[in-house]
Amino acid sequence: MPPPFMWGCPECVRWLLRLARKWAAPEGCFWEQLQTARHIAEGHPGDVPAQHLDDCALCPHYARRKDGDAGLVWAQHRARDLFMPPSLARLM
């Protein structure tokens, strides 16, 4: 269940509804996942969860990156935990 801040943001609600409509579609909901995570990372940076401290294979990789976009991509990775099951959220 997404956290309360997402239900209070019209943009989050819009992306959550689009994600829900596409979830079981044959073509999938990859675009909606990316856009929801991007919106959270850009629009709600204080609500993005901290680095995964368990056995996340991707967080150490993102932490080592030195390019200019590493922070935003890493934030999107962590933001997916807010609206996706962990088994799917950490795939990218």
PDB file of N, CA and C in Angstrom:
ATOM      1  N   MET A   1       0.838  -1.172   0.000  1.00  0.00           N
ATOM      2  CA  MET A   1       0.000   0.000   0.000  1.00  0.00           C
ATOM      3  C   MET A   1       0.888   1.241   0.000  1.00  0.00           C
ATOM      4  N   PRO A   2       0.710   2.117  -0.946  1.00  0.00           N
ATOM      5  CA  PRO A   2       1.517   3.345  -0.979  1.00  0.00           C
ATOM      6  C   PRO A   2       1.312   4.181   0.290  1.00  0.00           C
ATOM      7  N   PRO A   3       2.335   4.926   0.684  1.00  0.00           N
ATOM      8  CA  PRO A   3       2.243   5.744   1.895  1.00  0.00           C
ATOM      9  C   PRO A   3       1.269   6.914   1.715  1.00  0.00           C
ATOM     10  N   PRO A   4       0.813   7.493   2.823  1.00  0.00           N
ATOM     11  CA  PRO A   4      -0.171   8.581   2.767  1.00  0.00           C
ATOM     12  C   PRO A   4       0.244   9.782   1.918  1.00  0.00           C
ATOM     13  N   PHE A   5       1.520  10.160   1.927  1.00  0.00           N
ATOM     14  CA  PHE A   5       1.898  11.346   1.158  1.00  0.00           C
ATOM     15  C   PHE A   5       1.555  11.192  -0.325  1.00  0.00           C
ATOM     16  N   MET A   6       1.611   9.939  -0.830  1.00  0.00           N
ATOM     17  CA  MET A   6       1.318   9.734  -2.246  1.00  0.00           C
ATOM     18  C   MET A   6      -0.153   9.982  -2.552  1.00  0.00           C
ATOM     19  N   TRP A   7      -1.038   9.649  -1.616  1.00  0.00           N
ATOM     20  CA  TRP A   7      -2.474   9.857  -1.837  1.00  0.00           C
ATOM     21  C   TRP A   7      -2.849  11.330  -1.716  1.00  0.00           C
ATOM     22  N   GLY A   8      -1.975  12.127  -1.097  1.00  0.00           N
ATOM     23  CA  GLY A   8      -2.231  13.561  -0.975  1.00  0.00           C
ATOM     24  C   GLY A   8      -1.672  14.381  -2.123  1.00  0.00           C
ATOM     25  N   CYS A   9      -0.984  13.747  -3.040  1.00  0.00           N
ATOM     26  CA  CYS A   9      -0.369  14.435  -4.182  1.00  0.00           C
ATOM     27  C   CYS A   9      -1.111  14.046  -5.459  1.00  0.00           C
ATOM     28  N   PRO A  10      -1.727  15.013  -6.144  1.00  0.00           N
ATOM     29  CA  PRO A  10      -2.468  14.686  -7.371  1.00  0.00           C
ATOM     30  C   PRO A  10      -1.625  13.977  -8.430  1.00  0.00           C
ATOM     31  N   GLU A  11      -0.371  14.352  -8.548  1.00  0.00           N
ATOM     32  CA  GLU A  11       0.500  13.717  -9.549  1.00  0.00           C
ATOM     33  C   GLU A  11       0.785  12.258  -9.176  1.00  0.00           C
ATOM     34  N   CYS A  12       1.041  12.006  -7.903  1.00  0.00           N
ATOM     35  CA  CYS A  12       1.243  10.623  -7.451  1.00  0.00           C
ATOM     36  C   CYS A  12      -0.010   9.792  -7.702  1.00  0.00           C
ATOM     37  N   VAL A  13      -1.164  10.351  -7.362  1.00  0.00           N
ATOM     38  CA  VAL A  13      -2.417   9.620  -7.554  1.00  0.00           C
ATOM     39  C   VAL A  13      -2.616   9.295  -9.029  1.00  0.00           C
ATOM     40  N   ARG A  14      -2.329  10.246  -9.890  1.00  0.00           N
ATOM     41  CA  ARG A  14      -2.469  10.018 -11.331  1.00  0.00           C
ATOM     42  C   ARG A  14      -1.596   8.849 -11.782  1.00  0.00           C
ATOM     43  N   TRP A  15      -0.325   8.827 -11.332  1.00  0.00           N
ATOM     44  CA  TRP A  15       0.574   7.739 -11.735  1.00  0.00           C
ATOM     45  C   TRP A  15       0.187   6.420 -11.088  1.00  0.00           C
ATOM     46  N   LEU A  16      -0.271   6.455  -9.840  1.00  0.00           N
ATOM     47  CA  LEU A  16      -0.711   5.211  -9.193  1.00  0.00           C
ATOM     48  C   LEU A  16      -1.904   4.603  -9.913  1.00  0.00           C
ATOM     49  N   LEU A  17      -2.838   5.436 -10.322  1.00  0.00           N
ATOM     50  CA  LEU A  17      -4.012   4.934 -11.046  1.00  0.00           C
ATOM     51  C   LEU A  17      -3.624   4.372 -12.412  1.00  0.00           C
ATOM     52  N   ARG A  18      -2.722   5.052 -13.101  1.00  0.00           N
ATOM     53  CA  ARG A  18      -2.252   4.527 -14.392  1.00  0.00           C
ATOM     54  C   ARG A  18      -1.526   3.206 -14.203  1.00  0.00           C
ATOM     55  N   LEU A  19      -0.725   3.115 -13.153  1.00  0.00           N
ATOM     56  CA  LEU A  19      -0.013   1.878 -12.849  1.00  0.00           C
ATOM     57  C   LEU A  19      -0.999   0.754 -12.543  1.00  0.00           C
ATOM     58  N   ALA A  20      -2.001   1.036 -11.763  1.00  0.00           N
ATOM     59  CA  ALA A  20      -3.001   0.023 -11.411  1.00  0.00           C
ATOM     60  C   ALA A  20      -3.754  -0.476 -12.642  1.00  0.00           C
ATOM     61  N   ARG A  21      -4.097   0.432 -13.552  1.00  0.00           N
ATOM     62  CA  ARG A  21      -4.821   0.033 -14.761  1.00  0.00           C
ATOM     63  C   ARG A  21      -3.971  -0.844 -15.673  1.00  0.00           C
ATOM     64  N   LYS A  22      -2.684  -0.605 -15.697  1.00  0.00           N
ATOM     65  CA  LYS A  22      -1.787  -1.335 -16.603  1.00  0.00           C
ATOM     66  C   LYS A  22      -1.157  -2.576 -15.974  1.00  0.00           C
ATOM     67  N   TRP A  23      -1.299  -2.751 -14.669  1.00  0.00           N
ATOM     68  CA  TRP A  23      -0.582  -3.801 -13.933  1.00  0.00           C
ATOM     69  C   TRP A  23      -0.695  -5.171 -14.599  1.00  0.00           C
ATOM     70  N   ALA A  24      -1.887  -5.578 -14.976  1.00  0.00           N
ATOM     71  CA  ALA A  24      -2.088  -6.914 -15.547  1.00  0.00           C
ATOM     72  C   ALA A  24      -2.164  -6.912 -17.075  1.00  0.00           C
ATOM     73  N   ALA A  25      -1.907  -5.795 -17.689  1.00  0.00           N
ATOM     74  CA  ALA A  25      -1.977  -5.710 -19.148  1.00  0.00           C
ATOM     75  C   ALA A  25      -0.854  -6.539 -19.773  1.00  0.00           C
ATOM     76  N   PRO A  26      -1.117  -7.147 -20.921  1.00  0.00           N
ATOM     77  CA  PRO A  26      -0.095  -7.977 -21.577  1.00  0.00           C
ATOM     78  C   PRO A  26       1.186  -7.198 -21.883  1.00  0.00           C
ATOM     79  N   GLU A  27       1.055  -5.943 -22.207  1.00  0.00           N
ATOM     80  CA  GLU A  27       2.246  -5.146 -22.535  1.00  0.00           C
ATOM     81  C   GLU A  27       2.972  -4.666 -21.286  1.00  0.00           C
ATOM     82  N   GLY A  28       2.389  -4.885 -20.118  1.00  0.00           N
ATOM     83  CA  GLY A  28       3.045  -4.543 -18.859  1.00  0.00           C
ATOM     84  C   GLY A  28       2.871  -3.085 -18.454  1.00  0.00           C
ATOM     85  N   CYS A  29       3.532  -2.743 -17.378  1.00  0.00           N
ATOM     86  CA  CYS A  29       3.390  -1.394 -16.815  1.00  0.00           C
ATOM     87  C   CYS A  29       4.750  -0.775 -16.531  1.00  0.00           C
ATOM     88  N   PHE A  30       5.742  -1.128 -17.323  1.00  0.00           N
ATOM     89  CA  PHE A  30       7.102  -0.644 -17.106  1.00  0.00           C
ATOM     90  C   PHE A  30       7.181   0.876 -17.131  1.00  0.00           C
ATOM     91  N   TRP A  31       6.585   1.512 -18.122  1.00  0.00           N
ATOM     92  CA  TRP A  31       6.608   2.970 -18.256  1.00  0.00           C
ATOM     93  C   TRP A  31       5.985   3.636 -17.030  1.00  0.00           C
ATOM     94  N   GLU A  32       4.878   3.118 -16.568  1.00  0.00           N
ATOM     95  CA  GLU A  32       4.196   3.687 -15.410  1.00  0.00           C
ATOM     96  C   GLU A  32       5.042   3.545 -14.140  1.00  0.00           C
ATOM     97  N   GLN A  33       5.739   2.417 -14.017  1.00  0.00           N
ATOM     98  CA  GLN A  33       6.642   2.241 -12.873  1.00  0.00           C
ATOM     99  C   GLN A  33       7.749   3.289 -12.898  1.00  0.00           C
ATOM    100  N   LEU A  34       8.357   3.457 -14.057  1.00  0.00           N
ATOM    101  CA  LEU A  34       9.447   4.426 -14.185  1.00  0.00           C
ATOM    102  C   LEU A  34       8.977   5.843 -13.892  1.00  0.00           C
ATOM    103  N   GLN A  35       7.840   6.216 -14.433  1.00  0.00           N
ATOM    104  CA  GLN A  35       7.348   7.577 -14.246  1.00  0.00           C
ATOM    105  C   GLN A  35       6.922   7.846 -12.803  1.00  0.00           C
ATOM    106  N   THR A  36       6.350   6.854 -12.150  1.00  0.00           N
ATOM    107  CA  THR A  36       5.962   7.025 -10.752  1.00  0.00           C
ATOM    108  C   THR A  36       7.211   7.215  -9.896  1.00  0.00           C
ATOM    109  N   ALA A  37       8.212   6.382 -10.101  1.00  0.00           N
ATOM    110  CA  ALA A  37       9.457   6.498  -9.334  1.00  0.00           C
ATOM    111  C   ALA A  37      10.150   7.821  -9.620  1.00  0.00           C
ATOM    112  N   ARG A  38      10.143   8.233 -10.869  1.00  0.00           N
ATOM    113  CA  ARG A  38      10.786   9.506 -11.224  1.00  0.00           C
ATOM    114  C   ARG A  38      10.083  10.682 -10.558  1.00  0.00           C
ATOM    115  N   HIS A  39       8.768  10.663 -10.581  1.00  0.00           N
ATOM    116  CA  HIS A  39       8.024  11.744  -9.935  1.00  0.00           C
ATOM    117  C   HIS A  39       8.356  11.820  -8.436  1.00  0.00           C
ATOM    118  N   ILE A  40       8.399  10.672  -7.770  1.00  0.00           N
ATOM    119  CA  ILE A  40       8.713  10.666  -6.342  1.00  0.00           C
ATOM    120  C   ILE A  40      10.119  11.206  -6.102  1.00  0.00           C
ATOM    121  N   ALA A  41      11.089  10.738  -6.888  1.00  0.00           N
ATOM    122  CA  ALA A  41      12.478  11.178  -6.718  1.00  0.00           C
ATOM    123  C   ALA A  41      12.627  12.680  -6.932  1.00  0.00           C
ATOM    124  N   GLU A  42      11.915  13.219  -7.892  1.00  0.00           N
ATOM    125  CA  GLU A  42      12.031  14.646  -8.195  1.00  0.00           C
ATOM    126  C   GLU A  42      11.098  15.518  -7.350  1.00  0.00           C
ATOM    127  N   GLY A  43       9.881  15.039  -7.120  1.00  0.00           N
ATOM    128  CA  GLY A  43       8.887  15.854  -6.437  1.00  0.00           C
ATOM    129  C   GLY A  43       8.793  15.660  -4.938  1.00  0.00           C
ATOM    130  N   HIS A  44       9.303  14.540  -4.451  1.00  0.00           N
ATOM    131  CA  HIS A  44       9.222  14.216  -3.025  1.00  0.00           C
ATOM    132  C   HIS A  44      10.554  13.641  -2.534  1.00  0.00           C
ATOM    133  N   PRO A  45      11.661  14.343  -2.760  1.00  0.00           N
ATOM    134  CA  PRO A  45      12.966  13.758  -2.411  1.00  0.00           C
ATOM    135  C   PRO A  45      13.107  13.405  -0.930  1.00  0.00           C
ATOM    136  N   GLY A  46      12.440  14.127  -0.067  1.00  0.00           N
ATOM    137  CA  GLY A  46      12.510  13.833   1.363  1.00  0.00           C
ATOM    138  C   GLY A  46      11.776  12.567   1.764  1.00  0.00           C
ATOM    139  N   ASP A  47      10.932  12.047   0.880  1.00  0.00           N
ATOM    140  CA  ASP A  47      10.170  10.834   1.165  1.00  0.00           C
ATOM    141  C   ASP A  47      10.780   9.579   0.551  1.00  0.00           C
ATOM    142  N   VAL A  48      11.856   9.749  -0.194  1.00  0.00           N
ATOM    143  CA  VAL A  48      12.532   8.588  -0.800  1.00  0.00           C
ATOM    144  C   VAL A  48      13.220   7.813   0.319  1.00  0.00           C
ATOM    145  N   PRO A  49      12.989   6.511   0.397  1.00  0.00           N
ATOM    146  CA  PRO A  49      13.638   5.709   1.441  1.00  0.00           C
ATOM    147  C   PRO A  49      15.164   5.779   1.358  1.00  0.00           C
ATOM    148  N   ALA A  50      15.791   5.528   2.488  1.00  0.00           N
ATOM    149  CA  ALA A  50      17.257   5.497   2.549  1.00  0.00           C
ATOM    150  C   ALA A  50      17.790   4.282   1.804  1.00  0.00           C
ATOM    151  N   GLN A  51      19.110   4.240   1.667  1.00  0.00           N
ATOM    152  CA  GLN A  51      19.767   3.107   1.014  1.00  0.00           C
ATOM    153  C   GLN A  51      19.324   1.805   1.653  1.00  0.00           C
ATOM    154  N   HIS A  52      19.110   0.806   0.821  1.00  0.00           N
ATOM    155  CA  HIS A  52      18.782  -0.529   1.330  1.00  0.00           C
ATOM    156  C   HIS A  52      20.021  -1.085   2.036  1.00  0.00           C
ATOM    157  N   LEU A  53      19.873  -1.471   3.270  1.00  0.00           N
ATOM    158  CA  LEU A  53      21.019  -1.969   4.034  1.00  0.00           C
ATOM    159  C   LEU A  53      21.063  -3.490   4.111  1.00  0.00           C
ATOM    160  N   ASP A  54      20.071  -4.127   3.504  1.00  0.00           N
ATOM    161  CA  ASP A  54      20.076  -5.591   3.489  1.00  0.00           C
ATOM    162  C   ASP A  54      20.885  -6.071   2.282  1.00  0.00           C
ATOM    163  N   ASP A  55      20.502  -7.116   1.668  1.00  0.00           N
ATOM    164  CA  ASP A  55      21.291  -7.691   0.581  1.00  0.00           C
ATOM    165  C   ASP A  55      20.897  -7.173  -0.805  1.00  0.00           C
ATOM    166  N   CYS A  56      20.568  -5.898  -0.913  1.00  0.00           N
ATOM    167  CA  CYS A  56      20.220  -5.309  -2.204  1.00  0.00           C
ATOM    168  C   CYS A  56      21.461  -5.298  -3.099  1.00  0.00           C
ATOM    169  N   ALA A  57      21.355  -5.913  -4.254  1.00  0.00           N
ATOM    170  CA  ALA A  57      22.488  -5.997  -5.178  1.00  0.00           C
ATOM    171  C   ALA A  57      22.745  -4.686  -5.908  1.00  0.00           C
ATOM    172  N   LEU A  58      21.748  -3.807  -5.993  1.00  0.00           N
ATOM    173  CA  LEU A  58      21.902  -2.600  -6.788  1.00  0.00           C
ATOM    174  C   LEU A  58      22.383  -1.380  -6.002  1.00  0.00           C
ATOM    175  N   CYS A  59      22.026  -1.258  -4.734  1.00  0.00           N
ATOM    176  CA  CYS A  59      22.420  -0.071  -3.969  1.00  0.00           C
ATOM    177  C   CYS A  59      23.937   0.161  -3.939  1.00  0.00           C
ATOM    178  N   PRO A  60      24.762  -0.863  -3.689  1.00  0.00           N
ATOM    179  CA  PRO A  60      26.209  -0.616  -3.716  1.00  0.00           C
ATOM    180  C   PRO A  60      26.690  -0.111  -5.082  1.00  0.00           C
ATOM    181  N   HIS A  61      26.103  -0.646  -6.146  1.00  0.00           N
ATOM    182  CA  HIS A  61      26.455  -0.203  -7.505  1.00  0.00           C
ATOM    183  C   HIS A  61      26.117   1.283  -7.677  1.00  0.00           C
ATOM    184  N   TYR A  62      24.911   1.685  -7.299  1.00  0.00           N
ATOM    185  CA  TYR A  62      24.513   3.083  -7.432  1.00  0.00           C
ATOM    186  C   TYR A  62      25.359   3.988  -6.534  1.00  0.00           C
ATOM    187  N   ALA A  63      25.699   3.541  -5.346  1.00  0.00           N
ATOM    188  CA  ALA A  63      26.498   4.346  -4.418  1.00  0.00           C
ATOM    189  C   ALA A  63      27.886   4.634  -4.972  1.00  0.00           C
ATOM    190  N   ARG A  64      28.434   3.729  -5.780  1.00  0.00           N
ATOM    191  CA  ARG A  64      29.776   3.910  -6.345  1.00  0.00           C
ATOM    192  C   ARG A  64      29.793   4.795  -7.588  1.00  0.00           C
ATOM    193  N   ARG A  65      28.660   4.992  -8.205  1.00  0.00           N
ATOM    194  CA  ARG A  65      28.629   5.765  -9.458  1.00  0.00           C
ATOM    195  C   ARG A  65      29.014   7.214  -9.205  1.00  0.00           C
ATOM    196  N   LYS A  66      29.748   7.773 -10.131  1.00  0.00           N
ATOM    197  CA  LYS A  66      30.209   9.156 -10.003  1.00  0.00           C
ATOM    198  C   LYS A  66      29.630  10.075 -11.071  1.00  0.00           C
ATOM    199  N   ASP A  67      28.778   9.533 -11.943  1.00  0.00           N
ATOM    200  CA  ASP A  67      28.218  10.382 -12.994  1.00  0.00           C
ATOM    201  C   ASP A  67      27.142  11.297 -12.409  1.00  0.00           C
ATOM    202  N   GLY A  68      26.757  12.285 -13.147  1.00  0.00           N
ATOM    203  CA  GLY A  68      25.823  13.293 -12.663  1.00  0.00           C
ATOM    204  C   GLY A  68      24.419  12.794 -12.375  1.00  0.00           C
ATOM    205  N   ASP A  69      24.006  11.697 -12.973  1.00  0.00           N
ATOM    206  CA  ASP A  69      22.639  11.209 -12.818  1.00  0.00           C
ATOM    207  C   ASP A  69      22.515  10.110 -11.769  1.00  0.00           C
ATOM    208  N   ALA A  70      23.609   9.734 -11.167  1.00  0.00           N
ATOM    209  CA  ALA A  70      23.589   8.599 -10.241  1.00  0.00           C
ATOM    210  C   ALA A  70      22.602   8.809  -9.105  1.00  0.00           C
ATOM    211  N   GLY A  71      22.548  10.006  -8.549  1.00  0.00           N
ATOM    212  CA  GLY A  71      21.646  10.270  -7.435  1.00  0.00           C
ATOM    213  C   GLY A  71      20.196  10.101  -7.806  1.00  0.00           C
ATOM    214  N   LEU A  72      19.798  10.591  -8.965  1.00  0.00           N
ATOM    215  CA  LEU A  72      18.402  10.495  -9.387  1.00  0.00           C
ATOM    216  C   LEU A  72      18.020   9.051  -9.706  1.00  0.00           C
ATOM    217  N   VAL A  73      18.875   8.330 -10.392  1.00  0.00           N
ATOM    218  CA  VAL A  73      18.589   6.927 -10.723  1.00  0.00           C
ATOM    219  C   VAL A  73      18.514   6.101  -9.443  1.00  0.00           C
ATOM    220  N   TRP A  74      19.422   6.344  -8.524  1.00  0.00           N
ATOM    221  CA  TRP A  74      19.424   5.620  -7.261  1.00  0.00           C
ATOM    222  C   TRP A  74      18.167   5.950  -6.447  1.00  0.00           C
ATOM    223  N   ALA A  75      17.769   7.210  -6.438  1.00  0.00           N
ATOM    224  CA  ALA A  75      16.543   7.609  -5.732  1.00  0.00           C
ATOM    225  C   ALA A  75      15.326   6.921  -6.345  1.00  0.00           C
ATOM    226  N   GLN A  76      15.295   6.807  -7.659  1.00  0.00           N
ATOM    227  CA  GLN A  76      14.181   6.125  -8.314  1.00  0.00           C
ATOM    228  C   GLN A  76      14.162   4.644  -7.923  1.00  0.00           C
ATOM    229  N   HIS A  77      15.326   4.039  -7.850  1.00  0.00           N
ATOM    230  CA  HIS A  77      15.428   2.631  -7.422  1.00  0.00           C
ATOM    231  C   HIS A  77      14.818   2.478  -6.026  1.00  0.00           C
ATOM    232  N   ARG A  78      15.188   3.355  -5.111  1.00  0.00           N
ATOM    233  CA  ARG A  78      14.684   3.260  -3.737  1.00  0.00           C
ATOM    234  C   ARG A  78      13.214   3.637  -3.635  1.00  0.00           C
ATOM    235  N   ALA A  79      12.762   4.572  -4.453  1.00  0.00           N
ATOM    236  CA  ALA A  79      11.362   5.020  -4.424  1.00  0.00           C
ATOM    237  C   ALA A  79      10.407   3.906  -4.847  1.00  0.00           C
ATOM    238  N   ARG A  80      10.857   2.996  -5.672  1.00  0.00           N
ATOM    239  CA  ARG A  80       9.993   1.901  -6.125  1.00  0.00           C
ATOM    240  C   ARG A  80       9.490   1.054  -4.957  1.00  0.00           C
ATOM    241  N   ASP A  81      10.246   1.024  -3.848  1.00  0.00           N
ATOM    242  CA  ASP A  81       9.801   0.294  -2.655  1.00  0.00           C
ATOM    243  C   ASP A  81       8.503   0.863  -2.090  1.00  0.00           C
ATOM    244  N   LEU A  82       8.193   2.103  -2.403  1.00  0.00           N
ATOM    245  CA  LEU A  82       6.995   2.745  -1.860  1.00  0.00           C
ATOM    246  C   LEU A  82       5.701   2.266  -2.515  1.00  0.00           C
ATOM    247  N   PHE A  83       5.793   1.737  -3.726  1.00  0.00           N
ATOM    248  CA  PHE A  83       4.560   1.381  -4.439  1.00  0.00           C
ATOM    249  C   PHE A  83       4.621   0.037  -5.161  1.00  0.00           C
ATOM    250  N   MET A  84       5.733  -0.680  -5.019  1.00  0.00           N
ATOM    251  CA  MET A  84       5.883  -1.982  -5.662  1.00  0.00           C
ATOM    252  C   MET A  84       6.236  -3.034  -4.614  1.00  0.00           C
ATOM    253  N   PRO A  85       5.873  -4.286  -4.858  1.00  0.00           N
ATOM    254  CA  PRO A  85       6.333  -5.341  -3.957  1.00  0.00           C
ATOM    255  C   PRO A  85       7.871  -5.411  -4.006  1.00  0.00           C
ATOM    256  N   PRO A  86       8.530  -5.635  -2.869  1.00  0.00           N
ATOM    257  CA  PRO A  86      10.001  -5.646  -2.848  1.00  0.00           C
ATOM    258  C   PRO A  86      10.635  -6.566  -3.880  1.00  0.00           C
ATOM    259  N   SER A  87      10.033  -7.700  -4.143  1.00  0.00           N
ATOM    260  CA  SER A  87      10.612  -8.637  -5.107  1.00  0.00           C
ATOM    261  C   SER A  87      10.680  -8.030  -6.509  1.00  0.00           C
ATOM    262  N   LEU A  88       9.796  -7.124  -6.835  1.00  0.00           N
ATOM    263  CA  LEU A  88       9.798  -6.454  -8.135  1.00  0.00           C
ATOM    264  C   LEU A  88      10.512  -5.120  -8.074  1.00  0.00           C
ATOM    265  N   ALA A  89      10.383  -4.423  -6.965  1.00  0.00           N
ATOM    266  CA  ALA A  89      10.940  -3.077  -6.843  1.00  0.00           C
ATOM    267  C   ALA A  89      12.437  -3.050  -7.025  1.00  0.00           C
ATOM    268  N   ARG A  90      13.114  -4.079  -6.599  1.00  0.00           N
ATOM    269  CA  ARG A  90      14.583  -4.065  -6.608  1.00  0.00           C
ATOM    270  C   ARG A  90      15.179  -4.684  -7.862  1.00  0.00           C
ATOM    271  N   LEU A  91      14.381  -4.925  -8.864  1.00  0.00           N
ATOM    272  CA  LEU A  91      14.911  -5.479 -10.109  1.00  0.00           C
ATOM    273  C   LEU A  91      15.654  -4.438 -10.928  1.00  0.00           C
ATOM    274  N   MET A  92      15.412  -3.166 -10.669  1.00  0.00           N
ATOM    275  CA  MET A  92      16.105  -2.106 -11.413  1.00  0.00           C
ATOM    276  C   MET A  92      16.380  -0.916 -10.550  1.00  0.00           C
TER     277      MET A  92
END
